[in-house]
């Protein structure tokens, strides 16, 4: 019953976001925008996508503890990541974040728990990167409403807190652990226990970045990961003869990243579209072109993940639904 309710909530959110993205839709303008599409930017988009996943795989290697026998290969990390994304785009409840470490634990010496904690820490770095970028972006955009400035400062503070927790946790684990216990004390007992236990696992996982050199590499790779994420959006801006500025591509990437944090149907339907359309509004980008752009980028991303995912399942002799069942059991 709980899963059914979650699916219904996701469908409602997706439907609401699709309405927000396409409420101003005019079929004549939409047809005209489709007729203006140049398809050659698809090729640089796919090339940048490959570099992006490679950089994510390389960063994941640095977020894992040193292997006792043999370090995971980039290919193992690369394939695990793509299969996880494939699952997220195809199945409800975003199972990719659990399936990815599950697959890696099958192929390497790492346990599922160790691989899963590394994925959580990775998401902390990604979230901090998006929030910091959002804060900077709002300062550069013209005619931003006051409430968005407040949101930017609030989310910037959250990003600072995340980085403080991760970096402070690996340098001063006992202090951060004590601080978490004090902050969690007023919470209900069950929540307090979860927060303390979860933060303890994260602090153990964060020990891998205790080396300043390793931390610098992870931070550098995080910058490169998000730079290539924004470049994917920019590559496809060339499908239309409108604004192709890098600042617009950054806005598209940040707004989409924030929108897909909400519960939606598999593949972030609706969230992806509303993120693109709302970002484009700040640049006086034609609404119909933004709507078509959102469909093209999302559709291409879907196709890439589905095609590669099916191919990887075949060559590795894996069953996606069996993996999901194992992931739900916490294997």
C-alpha atoms as a PDB file:
ATOM      1  CA  UNK A   1       0.000   0.000   0.000  1.00  0.00           C
ATOM      2  CA  UNK A   2       2.825   2.388   0.883  1.00  0.00           C
ATOM      3  CA  UNK A   3       4.469   1.836  -2.516  1.00  0.00           C
ATOM      4  CA  UNK A   4       1.180   2.459  -4.314  1.00  0.00           C
ATOM      5  CA  UNK A   5       0.805   5.771  -2.467  1.00  0.00           C
ATOM      6  CA  UNK A   6       4.378   6.737  -3.369  1.00  0.00           C
ATOM      7  CA  UNK A   7       3.726   5.927  -7.037  1.00  0.00           C
ATOM      8  CA  UNK A   8       0.528   7.990  -6.974  1.00  0.00           C
ATOM      9  CA  UNK A   9       2.360  10.932  -5.392  1.00  0.00           C
ATOM     10  CA  UNK A  10       5.038  10.684  -8.088  1.00  0.00           C
ATOM     11  CA  UNK A  11       2.396  10.632 -10.842  1.00  0.00           C
ATOM     12  CA  UNK A  12       0.609  13.648  -9.357  1.00  0.00           C
ATOM     13  CA  UNK A  13       3.876  15.625  -9.067  1.00  0.00           C
ATOM     14  CA  UNK A  14       4.875  14.707 -12.632  1.00  0.00           C
ATOM     15  CA  UNK A  15       1.432  15.690 -13.959  1.00  0.00           C
ATOM     16  CA  UNK A  16       1.552  19.019 -12.099  1.00  0.00           C
ATOM     17  CA  UNK A  17       5.016  19.779 -13.448  1.00  0.00           C
ATOM     18  CA  UNK A  18       4.035  18.869 -17.003  1.00  0.00           C
ATOM     19  CA  UNK A  19       1.125  21.279 -16.660  1.00  0.00           C
ATOM     20  CA  UNK A  20       3.433  24.062 -15.425  1.00  0.00           C
ATOM     21  CA  UNK A  21       5.879  23.425 -18.255  1.00  0.00           C
ATOM     22  CA  UNK A  22       3.282  23.281 -21.047  1.00  0.00           C
ATOM     23  CA  UNK A  23       0.398  25.447 -19.788  1.00  0.00           C
ATOM     24  CA  UNK A  24       1.408  28.213 -22.242  1.00  0.00           C
ATOM     25  CA  UNK A  25       1.809  25.785 -25.113  1.00  0.00           C
ATOM     26  CA  UNK A  26       0.688  27.001 -28.533  1.00  0.00           C
ATOM     27  CA  UNK A  27       0.623  24.246 -31.134  1.00  0.00           C
ATOM     28  CA  UNK A  28       1.477  26.534 -34.054  1.00  0.00           C
ATOM     29  CA  UNK A  29       4.583  27.857 -32.271  1.00  0.00           C
ATOM     30  CA  UNK A  30       5.475  24.352 -31.138  1.00  0.00           C
ATOM     31  CA  UNK A  31       5.341  23.044 -34.718  1.00  0.00           C
ATOM     32  CA  UNK A  32       7.452  25.962 -35.884  1.00  0.00           C
ATOM     33  CA  UNK A  33      10.052  25.261 -33.177  1.00  0.00           C
ATOM     34  CA  UNK A  34      10.208  21.582 -34.163  1.00  0.00           C
ATOM     35  CA  UNK A  35      10.760  22.618 -37.785  1.00  0.00           C
ATOM     36  CA  UNK A  36      13.775  24.725 -36.737  1.00  0.00           C
ATOM     37  CA  UNK A  37      15.639  21.861 -35.072  1.00  0.00           C
ATOM     38  CA  UNK A  38      19.162  21.104 -36.274  1.00  0.00           C
ATOM     39  CA  UNK A  39      20.104  17.548 -35.302  1.00  0.00           C
ATOM     40  CA  UNK A  40      23.897  17.679 -35.655  1.00  0.00           C
ATOM     41  CA  UNK A  41      24.379  18.815 -31.971  1.00  0.00           C
ATOM     42  CA  UNK A  42      23.275  15.309 -30.926  1.00  0.00           C
ATOM     43  CA  UNK A  43      26.774  14.002 -31.737  1.00  0.00           C
ATOM     44  CA  UNK A  44      28.750  16.401 -29.487  1.00  0.00           C
ATOM     45  CA  UNK A  45      26.074  15.815 -26.831  1.00  0.00           C
ATOM     46  CA  UNK A  46      26.724  12.048 -26.860  1.00  0.00           C
ATOM     47  CA  UNK A  47      30.513  12.602 -26.814  1.00  0.00           C
ATOM     48  CA  UNK A  48      30.282  14.939 -23.808  1.00  0.00           C
ATOM     49  CA  UNK A  49      27.899  12.486 -22.129  1.00  0.00           C
ATOM     50  CA  UNK A  50      30.556   9.755 -22.405  1.00  0.00           C
ATOM     51  CA  UNK A  51      33.216  12.038 -20.893  1.00  0.00           C
ATOM     52  CA  UNK A  52      30.786  12.992 -18.117  1.00  0.00           C
ATOM     53  CA  UNK A  53      30.130   9.365 -17.104  1.00  0.00           C
ATOM     54  CA  UNK A  54      33.873   8.605 -17.299  1.00  0.00           C
ATOM     55  CA  UNK A  55      34.624  11.488 -14.899  1.00  0.00           C
ATOM     56  CA  UNK A  56      31.888  10.297 -12.535  1.00  0.00           C
ATOM     57  CA  UNK A  57      33.375   6.794 -12.615  1.00  0.00           C
ATOM     58  CA  UNK A  58      36.856   8.127 -11.906  1.00  0.00           C
ATOM     59  CA  UNK A  59      35.588  10.194  -8.975  1.00  0.00           C
ATOM     60  CA  UNK A  60      33.731   7.161  -7.601  1.00  0.00           C
ATOM     61  CA  UNK A  61      37.009   5.267  -7.468  1.00  0.00           C
ATOM     62  CA  UNK A  62      38.449   7.975  -5.175  1.00  0.00           C
ATOM     63  CA  UNK A  63      35.354   7.854  -2.957  1.00  0.00           C
ATOM     64  CA  UNK A  64      35.879   4.148  -2.272  1.00  0.00           C
ATOM     65  CA  UNK A  65      38.379   2.880   0.336  1.00  0.00           C
ATOM     66  CA  UNK A  66      41.693   1.541  -0.883  1.00  0.00           C
ATOM     67  CA  UNK A  67      41.192  -2.002  -2.143  1.00  0.00           C
ATOM     68  CA  UNK A  68      43.034  -4.716  -0.224  1.00  0.00           C
ATOM     69  CA  UNK A  69      43.695  -6.843  -3.295  1.00  0.00           C
ATOM     70  CA  UNK A  70      42.714  -5.251  -6.600  1.00  0.00           C
ATOM     71  CA  UNK A  71      41.192  -1.833  -7.229  1.00  0.00           C
ATOM     72  CA  UNK A  72      38.005  -1.711  -9.327  1.00  0.00           C
ATOM     73  CA  UNK A  73      38.570  -0.896 -12.968  1.00  0.00           C
ATOM     74  CA  UNK A  74      37.086   2.192 -14.563  1.00  0.00           C
ATOM     75  CA  UNK A  75      35.070  -0.162 -16.792  1.00  0.00           C
ATOM     76  CA  UNK A  76      33.471  -1.823 -13.748  1.00  0.00           C
ATOM     77  CA  UNK A  77      32.618   1.562 -12.236  1.00  0.00           C
ATOM     78  CA  UNK A  78      31.449   2.916 -15.600  1.00  0.00           C
ATOM     79  CA  UNK A  79      29.132  -0.025 -16.299  1.00  0.00           C
ATOM     80  CA  UNK A  80      27.759  -0.074 -12.732  1.00  0.00           C
ATOM     81  CA  UNK A  81      26.939   3.626 -12.963  1.00  0.00           C
ATOM     82  CA  UNK A  82      25.212   3.344 -16.337  1.00  0.00           C
ATOM     83  CA  UNK A  83      23.167   0.352 -15.191  1.00  0.00           C
ATOM     84  CA  UNK A  84      22.125   2.282 -12.092  1.00  0.00           C
ATOM     85  CA  UNK A  85      21.003   5.235 -14.217  1.00  0.00           C
ATOM     86  CA  UNK A  86      19.189   2.848 -16.551  1.00  0.00           C
ATOM     87  CA  UNK A  87      17.250   1.434 -13.585  1.00  0.00           C
ATOM     88  CA  UNK A  88      16.349   4.922 -12.337  1.00  0.00           C
ATOM     89  CA  UNK A  89      15.007   5.916 -15.751  1.00  0.00           C
ATOM     90  CA  UNK A  90      12.978   2.733 -16.117  1.00  0.00           C
ATOM     91  CA  UNK A  91      11.741   1.737 -12.641  1.00  0.00           C
ATOM     92  CA  UNK A  92       9.927   3.620  -9.836  1.00  0.00           C
ATOM     93  CA  UNK A  93      11.496   4.692  -6.513  1.00  0.00           C
ATOM     94  CA  UNK A  94      14.895   5.528  -8.098  1.00  0.00           C
ATOM     95  CA  UNK A  95      16.396   2.077  -7.477  1.00  0.00           C
ATOM     96  CA  UNK A  96      19.559   2.953  -9.377  1.00  0.00           C
ATOM     97  CA  UNK A  97      21.207   4.424  -6.273  1.00  0.00           C
ATOM     98  CA  UNK A  98      20.973   0.975  -4.664  1.00  0.00           C
ATOM     99  CA  UNK A  99      21.433  -1.195  -7.759  1.00  0.00           C
ATOM    100  CA  UNK A 100      24.673   0.576  -8.687  1.00  0.00           C
ATOM    101  CA  UNK A 101      26.547  -0.369  -5.471  1.00  0.00           C
ATOM    102  CA  UNK A 102      24.937  -3.816  -5.569  1.00  0.00           C
ATOM    103  CA  UNK A 103      26.433  -4.509  -9.001  1.00  0.00           C
ATOM    104  CA  UNK A 104      29.833  -3.158  -7.954  1.00  0.00           C
ATOM    105  CA  UNK A 105      29.797  -5.422  -4.883  1.00  0.00           C
ATOM    106  CA  UNK A 106      29.277  -8.404  -7.222  1.00  0.00           C
ATOM    107  CA  UNK A 107      32.239  -7.484  -9.398  1.00  0.00           C
ATOM    108  CA  UNK A 108      34.735  -6.321  -6.769  1.00  0.00           C
ATOM    109  CA  UNK A 109      35.874  -7.049  -3.229  1.00  0.00           C
ATOM    110  CA  UNK A 110      33.775  -4.213  -1.786  1.00  0.00           C
ATOM    111  CA  UNK A 111      30.720  -5.065   0.299  1.00  0.00           C
ATOM    112  CA  UNK A 112      27.339  -3.630  -0.643  1.00  0.00           C
ATOM    113  CA  UNK A 113      27.376  -1.414   2.472  1.00  0.00           C
ATOM    114  CA  UNK A 114      30.786   0.064   1.626  1.00  0.00           C
ATOM    115  CA  UNK A 115      29.818   0.751  -1.995  1.00  0.00           C
ATOM    116  CA  UNK A 116      26.455   2.217  -0.940  1.00  0.00           C
ATOM    117  CA  UNK A 117      28.036   4.641   1.542  1.00  0.00           C
ATOM    118  CA  UNK A 118      30.389   5.851  -1.219  1.00  0.00           C
ATOM    119  CA  UNK A 119      27.336   6.609  -3.399  1.00  0.00           C
ATOM    120  CA  UNK A 120      25.724   8.585  -0.552  1.00  0.00           C
ATOM    121  CA  UNK A 121      28.909  10.619  -0.073  1.00  0.00           C
ATOM    122  CA  UNK A 122      29.042  11.204  -3.833  1.00  0.00           C
ATOM    123  CA  UNK A 123      25.511  12.611  -3.678  1.00  0.00           C
ATOM    124  CA  UNK A 124      26.562  14.933  -0.859  1.00  0.00           C
ATOM    125  CA  UNK A 125      29.318  16.368  -3.068  1.00  0.00           C
ATOM    126  CA  UNK A 126      26.903  16.673  -6.011  1.00  0.00           C
ATOM    127  CA  UNK A 127      24.262  18.393  -3.923  1.00  0.00           C
ATOM    128  CA  UNK A 128      26.821  20.827  -2.520  1.00  0.00           C
ATOM    129  CA  UNK A 129      28.065  21.569  -6.063  1.00  0.00           C
ATOM    130  CA  UNK A 130      24.532  22.260  -7.346  1.00  0.00           C
ATOM    131  CA  UNK A 131      23.637  24.479  -4.394  1.00  0.00           C
ATOM    132  CA  UNK A 132      26.852  26.493  -4.634  1.00  0.00           C
ATOM    133  CA  UNK A 133      26.308  26.931  -8.383  1.00  0.00           C
ATOM    134  CA  UNK A 134      22.703  27.983  -7.750  1.00  0.00           C
ATOM    135  CA  UNK A 135      23.873  30.604  -5.255  1.00  0.00           C
ATOM    136  CA  UNK A 136      26.389  32.045  -7.746  1.00  0.00           C
ATOM    137  CA  UNK A 137      23.900  31.851 -10.615  1.00  0.00           C
ATOM    138  CA  UNK A 138      21.242  33.883  -8.803  1.00  0.00           C
ATOM    139  CA  UNK A 139      23.759  36.687  -8.264  1.00  0.00           C
ATOM    140  CA  UNK A 140      24.391  36.833 -12.026  1.00  0.00           C
ATOM    141  CA  UNK A 141      20.816  36.630 -13.317  1.00  0.00           C
ATOM    142  CA  UNK A 142      18.922  39.857 -13.991  1.00  0.00           C
ATOM    143  CA  UNK A 143      15.478  40.637 -12.549  1.00  0.00           C
ATOM    144  CA  UNK A 144      15.493  37.840 -10.002  1.00  0.00           C
ATOM    145  CA  UNK A 145      12.573  38.046  -7.532  1.00  0.00           C
ATOM    146  CA  UNK A 146      13.550  38.647  -3.872  1.00  0.00           C
ATOM    147  CA  UNK A 147      12.270  35.233  -2.725  1.00  0.00           C
ATOM    148  CA  UNK A 148      14.726  33.529  -5.078  1.00  0.00           C
ATOM    149  CA  UNK A 149      17.601  35.460  -3.500  1.00  0.00           C
ATOM    150  CA  UNK A 150      16.418  34.236  -0.089  1.00  0.00           C
ATOM    151  CA  UNK A 151      16.276  30.673  -1.447  1.00  0.00           C
ATOM    152  CA  UNK A 152      19.783  31.050  -2.881  1.00  0.00           C
ATOM    153  CA  UNK A 153      21.233  32.197   0.437  1.00  0.00           C
ATOM    154  CA  UNK A 154      19.387  29.451   2.313  1.00  0.00           C
ATOM    155  CA  UNK A 155      20.536  26.713  -0.063  1.00  0.00           C
ATOM    156  CA  UNK A 156      24.046  28.184  -0.076  1.00  0.00           C
ATOM    157  CA  UNK A 157      24.072  27.786   3.701  1.00  0.00           C
ATOM    158  CA  UNK A 158      22.940  24.179   3.307  1.00  0.00           C
ATOM    159  CA  UNK A 159      25.795  23.575   0.847  1.00  0.00           C
ATOM    160  CA  UNK A 160      28.283  25.060   3.315  1.00  0.00           C
ATOM    161  CA  UNK A 161      26.880  22.798   6.017  1.00  0.00           C
ATOM    162  CA  UNK A 162      27.241  19.709   3.807  1.00  0.00           C
ATOM    163  CA  UNK A 163      30.855  20.511   2.985  1.00  0.00           C
ATOM    164  CA  UNK A 164      31.557  21.265   6.655  1.00  0.00           C
ATOM    165  CA  UNK A 165      30.074  17.903   7.640  1.00  0.00           C
ATOM    166  CA  UNK A 166      32.060  15.936   5.036  1.00  0.00           C
ATOM    167  CA  UNK A 167      35.403  17.689   5.332  1.00  0.00           C
ATOM    168  CA  UNK A 168      35.125  18.319   9.071  1.00  0.00           C
ATOM    169  CA  UNK A 169      33.979  14.738   9.555  1.00  0.00           C
ATOM    170  CA  UNK A 170      37.096  13.256   8.007  1.00  0.00           C
ATOM    171  CA  UNK A 171      39.443  15.676   9.785  1.00  0.00           C
ATOM    172  CA  UNK A 172      37.692  15.828  13.183  1.00  0.00           C
ATOM    173  CA  UNK A 173      35.370  12.779  13.283  1.00  0.00           C
ATOM    174  CA  UNK A 174      34.927  12.709  17.071  1.00  0.00           C
ATOM    175  CA  UNK A 175      33.961  16.395  17.215  1.00  0.00           C
ATOM    176  CA  UNK A 176      31.459  16.122  14.340  1.00  0.00           C
ATOM    177  CA  UNK A 177      30.007  12.920  15.795  1.00  0.00           C
ATOM    178  CA  UNK A 178      29.474  14.644  19.162  1.00  0.00           C
ATOM    179  CA  UNK A 179      27.953  17.666  17.427  1.00  0.00           C
ATOM    180  CA  UNK A 180      25.472  15.441  15.576  1.00  0.00           C
ATOM    181  CA  UNK A 181      24.456  13.735  18.820  1.00  0.00           C
ATOM    182  CA  UNK A 182      23.809  17.105  20.501  1.00  0.00           C
ATOM    183  CA  UNK A 183      21.775  18.397  17.528  1.00  0.00           C
ATOM    184  CA  UNK A 184      19.772  15.163  17.284  1.00  0.00           C
ATOM    185  CA  UNK A 185      18.951  15.058  21.022  1.00  0.00           C
ATOM    186  CA  UNK A 186      15.678  17.070  20.798  1.00  0.00           C
ATOM    187  CA  UNK A 187      14.340  14.799  18.021  1.00  0.00           C
ATOM    188  CA  UNK A 188      11.975  11.847  18.650  1.00  0.00           C
ATOM    189  CA  UNK A 189      13.863   8.733  19.751  1.00  0.00           C
ATOM    190  CA  UNK A 190      13.475   6.797  16.476  1.00  0.00           C
ATOM    191  CA  UNK A 191      14.583   9.759  14.374  1.00  0.00           C
ATOM    192  CA  UNK A 192      17.443  10.529  16.749  1.00  0.00           C
ATOM    193  CA  UNK A 193      18.672   6.927  16.510  1.00  0.00           C
ATOM    194  CA  UNK A 194      18.478   6.988  12.710  1.00  0.00           C
ATOM    195  CA  UNK A 195      20.296  10.341  12.428  1.00  0.00           C
ATOM    196  CA  UNK A 196      23.102   9.249  14.762  1.00  0.00           C
ATOM    197  CA  UNK A 197      23.474   5.846  13.048  1.00  0.00           C
ATOM    198  CA  UNK A 198      23.332   7.314   9.529  1.00  0.00           C
ATOM    199  CA  UNK A 199      25.835  10.075  10.321  1.00  0.00           C
ATOM    200  CA  UNK A 200      28.152   7.485  11.902  1.00  0.00           C
ATOM    201  CA  UNK A 201      28.132   5.421   8.689  1.00  0.00           C
ATOM    202  CA  UNK A 202      28.769   8.552   6.627  1.00  0.00           C
ATOM    203  CA  UNK A 203      31.671   9.608   8.826  1.00  0.00           C
ATOM    204  CA  UNK A 204      33.236   6.161   8.433  1.00  0.00           C
ATOM    205  CA  UNK A 205      32.829   6.420   4.679  1.00  0.00           C
ATOM    206  CA  UNK A 206      34.158   9.988   4.648  1.00  0.00           C
ATOM    207  CA  UNK A 207      37.425   8.719   6.118  1.00  0.00           C
ATOM    208  CA  UNK A 208      38.532   7.967   2.548  1.00  0.00           C
ATOM    209  CA  UNK A 209      38.904  11.717   1.888  1.00  0.00           C
ATOM    210  CA  UNK A 210      41.080  12.376   4.910  1.00  0.00           C
ATOM    211  CA  UNK A 211      44.122  12.842   2.682  1.00  0.00           C
ATOM    212  CA  UNK A 212      44.312  16.484   1.454  1.00  0.00           C
ATOM    213  CA  UNK A 213      45.521  15.226  -1.924  1.00  0.00           C
ATOM    214  CA  UNK A 214      42.588  12.818  -2.266  1.00  0.00           C
ATOM    215  CA  UNK A 215      40.136  15.515  -1.190  1.00  0.00           C
ATOM    216  CA  UNK A 216      41.589  17.943  -3.730  1.00  0.00           C
ATOM    217  CA  UNK A 217      41.227  15.328  -6.488  1.00  0.00           C
ATOM    218  CA  UNK A 218      37.588  14.645  -5.529  1.00  0.00           C
ATOM    219  CA  UNK A 219      36.756  18.353  -5.441  1.00  0.00           C
ATOM    220  CA  UNK A 220      38.509  18.871  -8.794  1.00  0.00           C
ATOM    221  CA  UNK A 221      36.665  15.945 -10.354  1.00  0.00           C
ATOM    222  CA  UNK A 222      33.358  17.238  -8.942  1.00  0.00           C
ATOM    223  CA  UNK A 223      33.958  20.551 -10.722  1.00  0.00           C
ATOM    224  CA  UNK A 224      34.740  18.669 -13.956  1.00  0.00           C
ATOM    225  CA  UNK A 225      31.677  16.429 -13.542  1.00  0.00           C
ATOM    226  CA  UNK A 226      29.347  19.398 -13.310  1.00  0.00           C
ATOM    227  CA  UNK A 227      31.154  21.337 -16.013  1.00  0.00           C
ATOM    228  CA  UNK A 228      30.513  18.471 -18.437  1.00  0.00           C
ATOM    229  CA  UNK A 229      26.911  18.242 -17.179  1.00  0.00           C
ATOM    230  CA  UNK A 230      26.366  21.882 -18.142  1.00  0.00           C
ATOM    231  CA  UNK A 231      28.184  21.392 -21.446  1.00  0.00           C
ATOM    232  CA  UNK A 232      25.678  18.662 -22.369  1.00  0.00           C
ATOM    233  CA  UNK A 233      22.909  21.216 -22.044  1.00  0.00           C
ATOM    234  CA  UNK A 234      24.904  23.745 -24.021  1.00  0.00           C
ATOM    235  CA  UNK A 235      25.664  21.320 -26.860  1.00  0.00           C
ATOM    236  CA  UNK A 236      21.941  20.871 -27.452  1.00  0.00           C
ATOM    237  CA  UNK A 237      21.266  24.622 -27.269  1.00  0.00           C
ATOM    238  CA  UNK A 238      22.670  24.624 -30.807  1.00  0.00           C
ATOM    239  CA  UNK A 239      19.590  22.808 -32.091  1.00  0.00           C
ATOM    240  CA  UNK A 240      17.909  26.239 -32.157  1.00  0.00           C
ATOM    241  CA  UNK A 241      19.137  29.639 -33.438  1.00  0.00           C
ATOM    242  CA  UNK A 242      18.489  31.288 -30.062  1.00  0.00           C
ATOM    243  CA  UNK A 243      20.563  32.085 -26.962  1.00  0.00           C
ATOM    244  CA  UNK A 244      23.484  29.633 -26.670  1.00  0.00           C
ATOM    245  CA  UNK A 245      25.324  31.213 -23.752  1.00  0.00           C
ATOM    246  CA  UNK A 246      27.114  29.054 -21.219  1.00  0.00           C
ATOM    247  CA  UNK A 247      25.270  30.867 -18.414  1.00  0.00           C
ATOM    248  CA  UNK A 248      21.981  29.601 -19.853  1.00  0.00           C
ATOM    249  CA  UNK A 249      23.330  26.042 -19.985  1.00  0.00           C
ATOM    250  CA  UNK A 250      24.362  26.340 -16.316  1.00  0.00           C
ATOM    251  CA  UNK A 251      20.889  27.615 -15.406  1.00  0.00           C
ATOM    252  CA  UNK A 252      19.313  24.699 -17.277  1.00  0.00           C
ATOM    253  CA  UNK A 253      21.530  22.169 -15.476  1.00  0.00           C
ATOM    254  CA  UNK A 254      20.938  23.678 -12.022  1.00  0.00           C
ATOM    255  CA  UNK A 255      17.163  24.108 -12.383  1.00  0.00           C
ATOM    256  CA  UNK A 256      16.776  20.561 -13.711  1.00  0.00           C
ATOM    257  CA  UNK A 257      18.947  19.164 -10.888  1.00  0.00           C
ATOM    258  CA  UNK A 258      16.799  20.936  -8.280  1.00  0.00           C
ATOM    259  CA  UNK A 259      13.521  19.929  -9.956  1.00  0.00           C
ATOM    260  CA  UNK A 260      14.341  16.214 -10.193  1.00  0.00           C
ATOM    261  CA  UNK A 261      14.963  16.120  -6.441  1.00  0.00           C
ATOM    262  CA  UNK A 262      11.157  15.967  -6.079  1.00  0.00           C
ATOM    263  CA  UNK A 263       9.350  12.594  -6.169  1.00  0.00           C
ATOM    264  CA  UNK A 264       8.198  11.913  -9.732  1.00  0.00           C
ATOM    265  CA  UNK A 265       7.541   9.049 -12.106  1.00  0.00           C
ATOM    266  CA  UNK A 266      10.548   7.056 -13.424  1.00  0.00           C
ATOM    267  CA  UNK A 267      12.888   9.135 -15.566  1.00  0.00           C
ATOM    268  CA  UNK A 268      11.913  12.438 -13.891  1.00  0.00           C
ATOM    269  CA  UNK A 269       9.053  13.077 -16.327  1.00  0.00           C
ATOM    270  CA  UNK A 270       7.674  16.580 -15.761  1.00  0.00           C
ATOM    271  CA  UNK A 271      10.500  17.651 -13.454  1.00  0.00           C
ATOM    272  CA  UNK A 272      12.974  17.667 -16.325  1.00  0.00           C
ATOM    273  CA  UNK A 273      10.627  19.715 -18.518  1.00  0.00           C
ATOM    274  CA  UNK A 274       9.693  22.303 -15.898  1.00  0.00           C
ATOM    275  CA  UNK A 275      13.362  22.749 -14.944  1.00  0.00           C
ATOM    276  CA  UNK A 276      14.289  23.564 -18.548  1.00  0.00           C
ATOM    277  CA  UNK A 277      11.335  25.868 -19.196  1.00  0.00           C
ATOM    278  CA  UNK A 278      11.667  27.830 -15.953  1.00  0.00           C
ATOM    279  CA  UNK A 279      15.416  28.312 -16.423  1.00  0.00           C
ATOM    280  CA  UNK A 280      14.870  29.534 -19.983  1.00  0.00           C
ATOM    281  CA  UNK A 281      12.398  32.200 -18.794  1.00  0.00           C
ATOM    282  CA  UNK A 282      15.212  34.144 -17.108  1.00  0.00           C
ATOM    283  CA  UNK A 283      16.906  34.552 -20.488  1.00  0.00           C
ATOM    284  CA  UNK A 284      13.860  35.611 -22.515  1.00  0.00           C
ATOM    285  CA  UNK A 285      14.218  32.342 -24.400  1.00  0.00           C
ATOM    286  CA  UNK A 286      11.151  31.594 -26.592  1.00  0.00           C
ATOM    287  CA  UNK A 287       8.745  29.494 -24.525  1.00  0.00           C
ATOM    288  CA  UNK A 288       7.866  27.118 -27.364  1.00  0.00           C
ATOM    289  CA  UNK A 289      11.554  26.557 -28.134  1.00  0.00           C
ATOM    290  CA  UNK A 290      12.240  25.886 -24.426  1.00  0.00           C
ATOM    291  CA  UNK A 291       9.400  23.355 -24.345  1.00  0.00           C
ATOM    292  CA  UNK A 292      10.711  21.561 -27.426  1.00  0.00           C
ATOM    293  CA  UNK A 293      14.252  21.748 -26.062  1.00  0.00           C
ATOM    294  CA  UNK A 294      13.136  20.087 -22.827  1.00  0.00           C
ATOM    295  CA  UNK A 295      11.524  17.250 -24.780  1.00  0.00           C
ATOM    296  CA  UNK A 296      14.541  16.756 -27.051  1.00  0.00           C
ATOM    297  CA  UNK A 297      17.127  16.722 -24.237  1.00  0.00           C
ATOM    298  CA  UNK A 298      15.018  14.465 -22.023  1.00  0.00           C
ATOM    299  CA  UNK A 299      14.160  12.149 -24.908  1.00  0.00           C
ATOM    300  CA  UNK A 300      17.793  11.807 -25.980  1.00  0.00           C
ATOM    301  CA  UNK A 301      18.867  11.110 -22.406  1.00  0.00           C
ATOM    302  CA  UNK A 302      16.178   8.446 -22.144  1.00  0.00           C
ATOM    303  CA  UNK A 303      17.235   6.803 -25.418  1.00  0.00           C
ATOM    304  CA  UNK A 304      20.939   6.811 -24.484  1.00  0.00           C
ATOM    305  CA  UNK A 305      20.329   5.234 -21.058  1.00  0.00           C
ATOM    306  CA  UNK A 306      17.844   2.653 -22.376  1.00  0.00           C
ATOM    307  CA  UNK A 307      20.007   1.547 -25.334  1.00  0.00           C
ATOM    308  CA  UNK A 308      23.215   1.332 -23.292  1.00  0.00           C
ATOM    309  CA  UNK A 309      21.410  -0.238 -20.329  1.00  0.00           C
ATOM    310  CA  UNK A 310      19.869  -3.042 -22.389  1.00  0.00           C
ATOM    311  CA  UNK A 311      23.243  -3.694 -24.044  1.00  0.00           C
ATOM    312  CA  UNK A 312      25.071  -3.844 -20.689  1.00  0.00           C
ATOM    313  CA  UNK A 313      22.471  -6.180 -19.180  1.00  0.00           C
ATOM    314  CA  UNK A 314      22.964  -8.475 -22.153  1.00  0.00           C
ATOM    315  CA  UNK A 315      26.771  -8.568 -22.134  1.00  0.00           C
ATOM    316  CA  UNK A 316      26.934  -9.000 -18.342  1.00  0.00           C
ATOM    317  CA  UNK A 317      24.070 -11.516 -18.286  1.00  0.00           C
ATOM    318  CA  UNK A 318      22.102  -9.554 -15.685  1.00  0.00           C
ATOM    319  CA  UNK A 319      18.380  -9.271 -14.981  1.00  0.00           C
ATOM    320  CA  UNK A 320      17.223  -5.801 -13.983  1.00  0.00           C
ATOM    321  CA  UNK A 321      14.161  -6.956 -12.039  1.00  0.00           C
ATOM    322  CA  UNK A 322      16.181  -9.565 -10.144  1.00  0.00           C
ATOM    323  CA  UNK A 323      18.711  -6.863  -9.263  1.00  0.00           C
ATOM    324  CA  UNK A 324      15.910  -4.682  -7.964  1.00  0.00           C
ATOM    325  CA  UNK A 325      14.616  -7.486  -5.734  1.00  0.00           C
ATOM    326  CA  UNK A 326      18.105  -8.066  -4.332  1.00  0.00           C
ATOM    327  CA  UNK A 327      18.549  -4.328  -3.792  1.00  0.00           C
ATOM    328  CA  UNK A 328      15.247  -4.133  -1.891  1.00  0.00           C
ATOM    329  CA  UNK A 329      16.503  -6.891   0.413  1.00  0.00           C
ATOM    330  CA  UNK A 330      19.639  -4.835   1.008  1.00  0.00           C
ATOM    331  CA  UNK A 331      21.912  -7.547  -0.403  1.00  0.00           C
END
